[in-house]
Amino acid sequence: MALSVILFVLCAAAIYLSCEYFVNGVEWVGRRFGIGATATGTVLAAFGTALPESAVTFVAVVFGRNTAQKEIGVGAAVGGPLVLSTISYAVVGIVLWSSRHKFRRANSDLQLDTRRLSSDQAWFLLIFVLALALGLVSFPSKRWLGILLFGAYALYVWREVTAGHGKEHDDERLEPLNFRPRDPDPSLAWASLQTLAALLVIAVASHTFVGQLENIGTHLGVSPQLVALILSPVATELPETLNAVIWVRQGRERLALANISGAMMIQATVPAGLGVLFTTWRFGPPVVIAASTATAAVIFLWLMFRRERVSGVSLVPLGLLYVLFAIAVAIR
């Protein structure tokens, strides 16, 4: 138990430090490719940090030897969007609120593209509701609809990359690349090397982090099913959350929220598509509760962004939805 706690803390520290290098590197990669700041967060950063969780889902649903292992993959595919739409946004809200004096900005001065963020939430809601509906029914050709989810993500990426291509970077000064601190204009090769190295450390540390979390849960008497549905998604989405925290602390909330929004789109399409293709994709009550909670959170976010009423304080209550979900699943 003591060793698990020590490894848990060390892995959390390693993930945070690696995220510092990752966000720094991916910004330079986006600059070298001429991709806008928002697209850098929604596509490049989100894809990189979501890759480890997607790989876990892929292994579980494709190579799982029994139904229980495949169900873990299904739970992860739903648990990821739930955590991102509740805890991650709530954490960003807390950091936004606590940093308001540092940057001397009022809530109305937040640097956000609310129209684009509301559009992202609408896209996610449409796709996620489809995935939820598929989890409630069975018919012979259902598994092939998983391909549509992959197509939806490809369309989303094309839309993000081509919208305002390259314009958002013109007035932004980036921090020096950590691998080349004295180089004012590092090459794509160095930026890519730093980004991939940081991503590798994040993947290894996150895998160990989740394992130690499961060990601690076992020692505390928490059932594996509850750990897989309630605790593990919190751990696997830690890189996305920390990326957002780092960007908010730099006064770049546009990138922070874009990163979470993009990660949600990946979780709603790639892992879900794998689940539809390689499992029965039928939801039990806990997964239905998780999906319903995530849907409620996204509707709340969509309304907030659409009305342009976004502040640190307004994002914090989303965390309560996750608490209610955890209580509902634990007591059933």
Protein backbone atom coordinates (compact mmCIF):
# COMPACT_ATOMS: atom_id res chain seq x y z
CA MET A 1 0.00 0.00 0.00
CA ALA A 2 2.80 2.44 0.96
CA LEU A 3 4.71 1.67 -2.25
CA SER A 4 1.56 2.22 -4.33
CA VAL A 5 1.01 5.63 -2.72
CA ILE A 6 4.64 6.65 -3.36
CA LEU A 7 4.46 5.56 -7.00
CA PHE A 8 1.09 7.29 -7.34
CA VAL A 9 2.58 10.62 -6.21
CA LEU A 10 5.75 10.23 -8.30
CA CYS A 11 3.74 9.43 -11.42
CA ALA A 12 1.47 12.43 -10.86
CA ALA A 13 4.55 14.67 -10.62
CA ALA A 14 6.06 13.09 -13.75
CA ILE A 15 2.82 13.62 -15.69
CA TYR A 16 2.67 17.29 -14.69
CA LEU A 17 6.30 18.01 -15.62
CA SER A 18 5.91 16.13 -18.91
CA CYS A 19 2.78 18.12 -19.70
CA GLU A 20 4.82 21.31 -19.28
CA TYR A 21 7.18 20.07 -21.99
CA PHE A 22 4.32 18.75 -24.12
CA VAL A 23 2.31 21.98 -24.27
CA ASN A 24 5.48 23.94 -24.99
CA GLY A 25 6.49 21.56 -27.78
CA VAL A 26 3.07 21.19 -29.38
CA GLU A 27 2.67 24.97 -29.61
CA TRP A 28 5.89 25.16 -31.63
CA VAL A 29 4.76 22.23 -33.79
CA GLY A 30 1.53 24.11 -34.49
CA ARG A 31 3.52 27.25 -35.31
CA ARG A 32 5.79 25.37 -37.72
CA PHE A 33 2.76 23.88 -39.52
CA GLY A 34 0.95 27.22 -39.56
CA ILE A 35 -2.01 25.85 -37.61
CA GLY A 36 -4.15 28.27 -35.62
CA ALA A 37 -3.92 28.32 -31.83
CA THR A 38 -7.40 26.90 -31.31
CA ALA A 39 -6.76 24.07 -33.77
CA THR A 40 -3.45 23.38 -32.02
CA GLY A 41 -5.42 22.75 -28.83
CA THR A 42 -8.37 20.89 -30.36
CA VAL A 43 -6.38 18.69 -32.75
CA LEU A 44 -2.64 18.41 -32.04
CA ALA A 45 -2.63 18.61 -28.24
CA ALA A 46 -5.89 16.70 -27.83
CA PHE A 47 -4.84 13.89 -30.18
CA GLY A 48 -1.48 13.49 -28.47
CA THR A 49 -2.80 13.26 -24.93
CA ALA A 50 -5.80 11.12 -25.91
CA LEU A 51 -3.61 8.59 -27.72
CA PRO A 52 -2.68 6.57 -24.58
CA GLU A 53 -6.33 6.18 -23.47
CA SER A 54 -7.41 5.27 -26.99
CA ALA A 55 -4.69 2.63 -27.08
CA VAL A 56 -5.95 1.18 -23.79
CA THR A 57 -9.48 1.01 -25.19
CA PHE A 58 -8.19 -0.60 -28.41
CA VAL A 59 -6.35 -3.34 -26.51
CA ALA A 60 -9.34 -3.97 -24.22
CA VAL A 61 -12.00 -4.27 -26.94
CA VAL A 62 -9.91 -5.95 -29.65
CA PHE A 63 -7.71 -8.30 -27.64
CA GLY A 64 -9.84 -8.72 -24.51
CA ARG A 65 -10.15 -12.43 -23.70
CA ASN A 66 -13.47 -12.24 -21.91
CA THR A 67 -16.59 -10.09 -21.61
CA ALA A 68 -15.34 -8.37 -18.45
CA GLN A 69 -12.23 -7.05 -20.19
CA LYS A 70 -14.26 -5.77 -23.14
CA GLU A 71 -16.67 -4.07 -20.75
CA ILE A 72 -13.73 -2.20 -19.24
CA GLY A 73 -13.04 -0.79 -22.71
CA VAL A 74 -16.69 0.24 -23.09
CA GLY A 75 -16.63 1.90 -19.67
CA ALA A 76 -13.45 3.79 -20.58
CA ALA A 77 -15.01 5.01 -23.83
CA VAL A 78 -17.89 6.59 -21.88
CA GLY A 79 -15.97 7.52 -18.73
CA GLY A 80 -13.48 9.69 -20.63
CA PRO A 81 -16.01 12.20 -21.99
CA LEU A 82 -17.75 12.24 -18.61
CA VAL A 83 -14.57 13.25 -16.77
CA LEU A 84 -13.59 15.82 -19.38
CA SER A 85 -17.02 17.47 -19.45
CA THR A 86 -17.26 17.69 -15.66
CA ILE A 87 -14.03 17.48 -13.65
CA SER A 88 -11.69 18.94 -16.27
CA TYR A 89 -13.87 21.99 -16.92
CA ALA A 90 -14.42 22.44 -13.18
CA VAL A 91 -10.67 22.37 -12.50
CA VAL A 92 -10.10 24.92 -15.25
CA GLY A 93 -12.84 27.05 -13.69
CA ILE A 94 -11.10 26.96 -10.30
CA VAL A 95 -7.76 27.95 -11.83
CA LEU A 96 -9.41 30.71 -13.88
CA TRP A 97 -11.03 32.11 -10.76
CA SER A 98 -7.85 31.90 -8.67
CA SER A 99 -5.79 33.55 -11.45
CA ARG A 100 -8.14 36.47 -12.08
CA HIS A 101 -5.98 38.94 -10.11
CA LYS A 102 -2.72 37.71 -11.64
CA PHE A 103 -3.77 38.73 -15.15
CA ARG A 104 -6.00 41.60 -13.98
CA ARG A 105 -8.83 40.54 -16.25
CA ALA A 106 -12.53 40.48 -15.54
CA ASN A 107 -14.63 37.49 -16.53
CA SER A 108 -15.83 39.39 -19.57
CA ASP A 109 -12.21 39.72 -20.75
CA LEU A 110 -11.55 35.98 -21.05
CA GLN A 111 -9.84 35.20 -24.33
CA LEU A 112 -12.32 32.66 -25.69
CA ASP A 113 -13.88 31.92 -29.04
CA THR A 114 -17.29 31.13 -27.56
CA ARG A 115 -18.94 30.65 -30.95
CA ARG A 116 -16.43 27.98 -31.90
CA LEU A 117 -16.60 26.34 -28.48
CA SER A 118 -20.41 26.19 -28.61
CA SER A 119 -20.15 24.63 -32.07
CA ASP A 120 -17.75 22.01 -30.68
CA GLN A 121 -20.20 21.14 -27.92
CA ALA A 122 -23.00 20.79 -30.47
CA TRP A 123 -20.87 18.45 -32.59
CA PHE A 124 -19.98 16.39 -29.54
CA LEU A 125 -23.58 16.22 -28.37
CA LEU A 126 -24.80 14.98 -31.74
CA ILE A 127 -22.15 12.24 -31.94
CA PHE A 128 -22.33 11.23 -28.28
CA VAL A 129 -26.12 10.90 -28.31
CA LEU A 130 -25.75 8.64 -31.36
CA ALA A 131 -23.21 6.50 -29.49
CA LEU A 132 -25.51 6.40 -26.46
CA ALA A 133 -28.48 5.35 -28.60
CA LEU A 134 -26.42 2.54 -30.15
CA GLY A 135 -25.64 1.32 -26.65
CA LEU A 136 -29.32 0.82 -25.90
CA VAL A 137 -30.32 -1.24 -28.94
CA SER A 138 -29.16 -4.28 -30.89
CA PHE A 139 -29.47 -5.05 -34.59
CA PRO A 140 -27.39 -7.13 -37.05
CA SER A 141 -25.45 -4.37 -38.79
CA LYS A 142 -24.87 -2.15 -35.76
CA ARG A 143 -21.13 -2.74 -35.49
CA TRP A 144 -20.44 -1.23 -38.91
CA LEU A 145 -21.80 2.10 -37.71
CA GLY A 146 -18.56 2.42 -35.77
CA ILE A 147 -16.94 3.46 -39.05
CA LEU A 148 -19.26 6.48 -39.14
CA LEU A 149 -17.82 7.63 -35.82
CA PHE A 150 -14.29 7.55 -37.27
CA GLY A 151 -15.55 9.52 -40.26
CA ALA A 152 -17.14 12.09 -37.96
CA TYR A 153 -13.80 12.71 -36.25
CA ALA A 154 -12.00 13.04 -39.60
CA LEU A 155 -14.56 15.66 -40.64
CA TYR A 156 -14.12 17.49 -37.33
CA VAL A 157 -10.32 17.60 -37.77
CA TRP A 158 -10.68 18.96 -41.30
CA ARG A 159 -13.06 21.63 -40.04
CA GLU A 160 -10.75 22.67 -37.18
CA VAL A 161 -7.60 22.84 -39.28
CA THR A 162 -9.17 24.81 -42.14
CA ALA A 163 -11.11 27.29 -39.97
CA GLY A 164 -9.03 30.45 -39.53
CA HIS A 165 -5.94 28.59 -40.76
CA GLY A 166 -2.77 30.06 -39.28
CA LYS A 167 -4.21 33.47 -38.35
CA GLU A 168 -4.42 33.03 -34.61
CA HIS A 169 -0.65 32.64 -34.13
CA ASP A 170 0.39 35.93 -35.69
CA ASP A 171 0.09 38.05 -32.54
CA GLU A 172 1.25 35.46 -30.00
CA ARG A 173 4.75 35.16 -28.60
CA LEU A 174 5.65 31.62 -27.62
CA GLU A 175 7.90 30.62 -24.75
CA PRO A 176 11.33 29.32 -25.91
CA LEU A 177 11.36 25.62 -26.72
CA ASN A 178 12.55 23.80 -23.59
CA PHE A 179 14.92 21.59 -25.58
CA ARG A 180 16.40 24.68 -27.30
CA PRO A 181 16.01 27.55 -24.81
CA ARG A 182 18.46 29.87 -26.61
CA ASP A 183 17.03 29.31 -30.08
CA PRO A 184 14.44 32.01 -30.92
CA ASP A 185 13.12 30.02 -33.89
CA PRO A 186 13.53 26.25 -33.28
CA SER A 187 13.04 23.83 -36.15
CA LEU A 188 10.11 21.46 -36.58
CA ALA A 189 12.44 18.53 -35.88
CA TRP A 190 13.37 19.81 -32.42
CA ALA A 191 9.78 20.77 -31.59
CA SER A 192 8.55 17.34 -32.70
CA LEU A 193 11.28 15.55 -30.72
CA GLN A 194 10.36 17.37 -27.53
CA THR A 195 6.63 16.76 -28.06
CA LEU A 196 7.04 13.04 -28.76
CA ALA A 197 9.46 12.55 -25.85
CA ALA A 198 7.06 14.27 -23.46
CA LEU A 199 4.17 12.22 -24.83
CA LEU A 200 6.10 9.00 -24.26
CA VAL A 201 6.74 9.90 -20.63
CA ILE A 202 3.08 10.88 -20.20
CA ALA A 203 1.94 7.53 -21.63
CA VAL A 204 4.24 5.45 -19.38
CA ALA A 205 3.55 7.52 -16.27
CA SER A 206 -0.22 7.51 -16.90
CA HIS A 207 -0.25 3.72 -17.31
CA THR A 208 1.62 3.30 -14.02
CA PHE A 209 -0.58 5.94 -12.37
CA VAL A 210 -3.76 4.06 -13.26
CA GLY A 211 -2.25 0.78 -12.05
CA GLN A 212 -1.36 2.27 -8.67
CA LEU A 213 -4.80 3.84 -8.40
CA GLU A 214 -6.36 0.41 -8.92
CA ASN A 215 -4.03 -1.08 -6.28
CA ILE A 216 -4.97 1.61 -3.79
CA GLY A 217 -8.66 1.03 -4.54
CA THR A 218 -8.23 -2.69 -3.90
CA HIS A 219 -6.52 -2.04 -0.56
CA LEU A 220 -9.35 0.30 0.41
CA GLY A 221 -11.97 -2.30 -0.49
CA VAL A 222 -13.33 -0.53 -3.58
CA SER A 223 -14.63 -3.00 -6.17
CA PRO A 224 -12.75 -3.26 -9.51
CA GLN A 225 -15.91 -2.28 -11.38
CA LEU A 226 -16.21 0.98 -9.45
CA VAL A 227 -12.50 1.70 -9.89
CA ALA A 228 -12.80 1.14 -13.65
CA LEU A 229 -15.86 3.36 -14.04
CA ILE A 230 -15.32 6.09 -11.43
CA LEU A 231 -11.62 6.42 -10.61
CA SER A 232 -9.68 5.19 -13.65
CA PRO A 233 -11.16 7.74 -16.11
CA VAL A 234 -10.13 10.54 -13.75
CA ALA A 235 -6.56 9.23 -13.90
CA THR A 236 -6.47 8.62 -17.65
CA GLU A 237 -7.77 12.12 -18.41
CA LEU A 238 -5.19 13.72 -16.11
CA PRO A 239 -2.87 14.82 -18.96
CA GLU A 240 -5.65 16.75 -20.72
CA THR A 241 -6.66 18.39 -17.45
CA LEU A 242 -3.08 19.35 -16.58
CA ASN A 243 -2.46 20.70 -20.08
CA ALA A 244 -5.47 22.96 -19.61
CA VAL A 245 -4.28 24.07 -16.16
CA ILE A 246 -0.84 24.97 -17.53
CA TRP A 247 -2.33 27.06 -20.35
CA VAL A 248 -4.72 28.84 -17.98
CA ARG A 249 -1.82 29.71 -15.67
CA GLN A 250 -0.11 31.25 -18.70
CA GLY A 251 -3.19 33.35 -19.40
CA ARG A 252 -4.10 31.32 -22.49
CA GLU A 253 -7.54 30.02 -21.63
CA ARG A 254 -8.44 29.77 -25.32
CA LEU A 255 -5.95 26.93 -25.74
CA ALA A 256 -6.98 25.37 -22.44
CA LEU A 257 -10.66 25.03 -23.29
CA ALA A 258 -9.88 24.09 -26.90
CA ASN A 259 -7.72 21.22 -25.64
CA ILE A 260 -10.52 19.82 -23.49
CA SER A 261 -13.07 20.31 -26.26
CA GLY A 262 -10.88 18.49 -28.78
CA ALA A 263 -10.16 15.65 -26.36
CA MET A 264 -13.89 15.18 -25.82
CA MET A 265 -14.40 14.84 -29.58
CA ILE A 266 -11.73 12.15 -29.78
CA GLN A 267 -13.22 10.24 -26.86
CA ALA A 268 -16.70 10.40 -28.41
CA THR A 269 -15.53 9.01 -31.74
CA VAL A 270 -12.35 6.90 -31.71
CA PRO A 271 -12.81 4.80 -28.52
CA ALA A 272 -16.58 4.66 -29.08
CA GLY A 273 -16.05 3.61 -32.70
CA LEU A 274 -13.74 0.82 -31.54
CA GLY A 275 -16.33 -0.27 -29.00
CA VAL A 276 -19.12 -0.40 -31.57
CA LEU A 277 -16.93 -2.35 -34.01
CA PHE A 278 -15.48 -4.93 -31.65
CA THR A 279 -18.01 -5.40 -28.82
CA THR A 280 -21.76 -5.78 -28.44
CA TRP A 281 -21.80 -2.11 -27.29
CA ARG A 282 -24.66 -2.64 -24.87
CA PHE A 283 -24.81 -0.38 -21.83
CA GLY A 284 -25.61 -1.54 -18.32
CA PRO A 285 -27.20 0.85 -15.79
CA PRO A 286 -23.88 2.36 -14.52
CA VAL A 287 -22.74 3.20 -18.06
CA VAL A 288 -26.16 4.67 -18.90
CA ILE A 289 -25.89 6.90 -15.82
CA ALA A 290 -22.39 7.96 -16.88
CA ALA A 291 -23.48 8.75 -20.44
CA SER A 292 -26.55 10.65 -19.24
CA THR A 293 -24.45 12.74 -16.84
CA ALA A 294 -21.98 13.60 -19.60
CA THR A 295 -24.86 14.59 -21.88
CA ALA A 296 -26.30 16.90 -19.20
CA ALA A 297 -22.88 18.51 -18.67
CA VAL A 298 -22.42 19.14 -22.40
CA ILE A 299 -25.87 20.71 -22.72
CA PHE A 300 -24.94 23.03 -19.85
CA LEU A 301 -21.64 23.92 -21.58
CA TRP A 302 -23.34 24.48 -24.93
CA LEU A 303 -25.83 26.91 -23.40
CA MET A 304 -23.05 28.72 -21.53
CA PHE A 305 -20.85 29.17 -24.58
CA ARG A 306 -23.80 30.06 -26.82
CA ARG A 307 -24.91 32.79 -24.42
CA GLU A 308 -21.29 33.94 -23.94
CA ARG A 309 -21.64 33.71 -20.18
CA VAL A 310 -18.38 31.98 -19.37
CA SER A 311 -16.37 32.54 -16.22
CA GLY A 312 -14.30 30.55 -13.78
CA VAL A 313 -17.16 30.48 -11.29
CA SER A 314 -19.69 29.28 -13.87
CA LEU A 315 -17.53 26.26 -14.77
CA VAL A 316 -16.98 25.00 -11.21
CA PRO A 317 -20.50 23.50 -10.67
CA LEU A 318 -19.79 20.97 -13.44
CA GLY A 319 -17.65 19.09 -10.95
CA LEU A 320 -20.71 18.50 -8.81
CA LEU A 321 -22.29 16.50 -11.63
CA TYR A 322 -19.44 14.01 -11.40
CA VAL A 323 -19.87 13.77 -7.63
CA LEU A 324 -23.59 13.05 -8.08
CA PHE A 325 -22.75 10.43 -10.70
CA ALA A 326 -20.25 8.71 -8.40
CA ILE A 327 -22.76 8.64 -5.56
CA ALA A 328 -25.52 7.27 -7.80
CA VAL A 329 -23.29 4.46 -9.11
CA ALA A 330 -21.84 3.61 -5.70
CA ILE A 331 -25.19 3.26 -3.92
CA ARG A 332 -27.07 1.33 -6.61
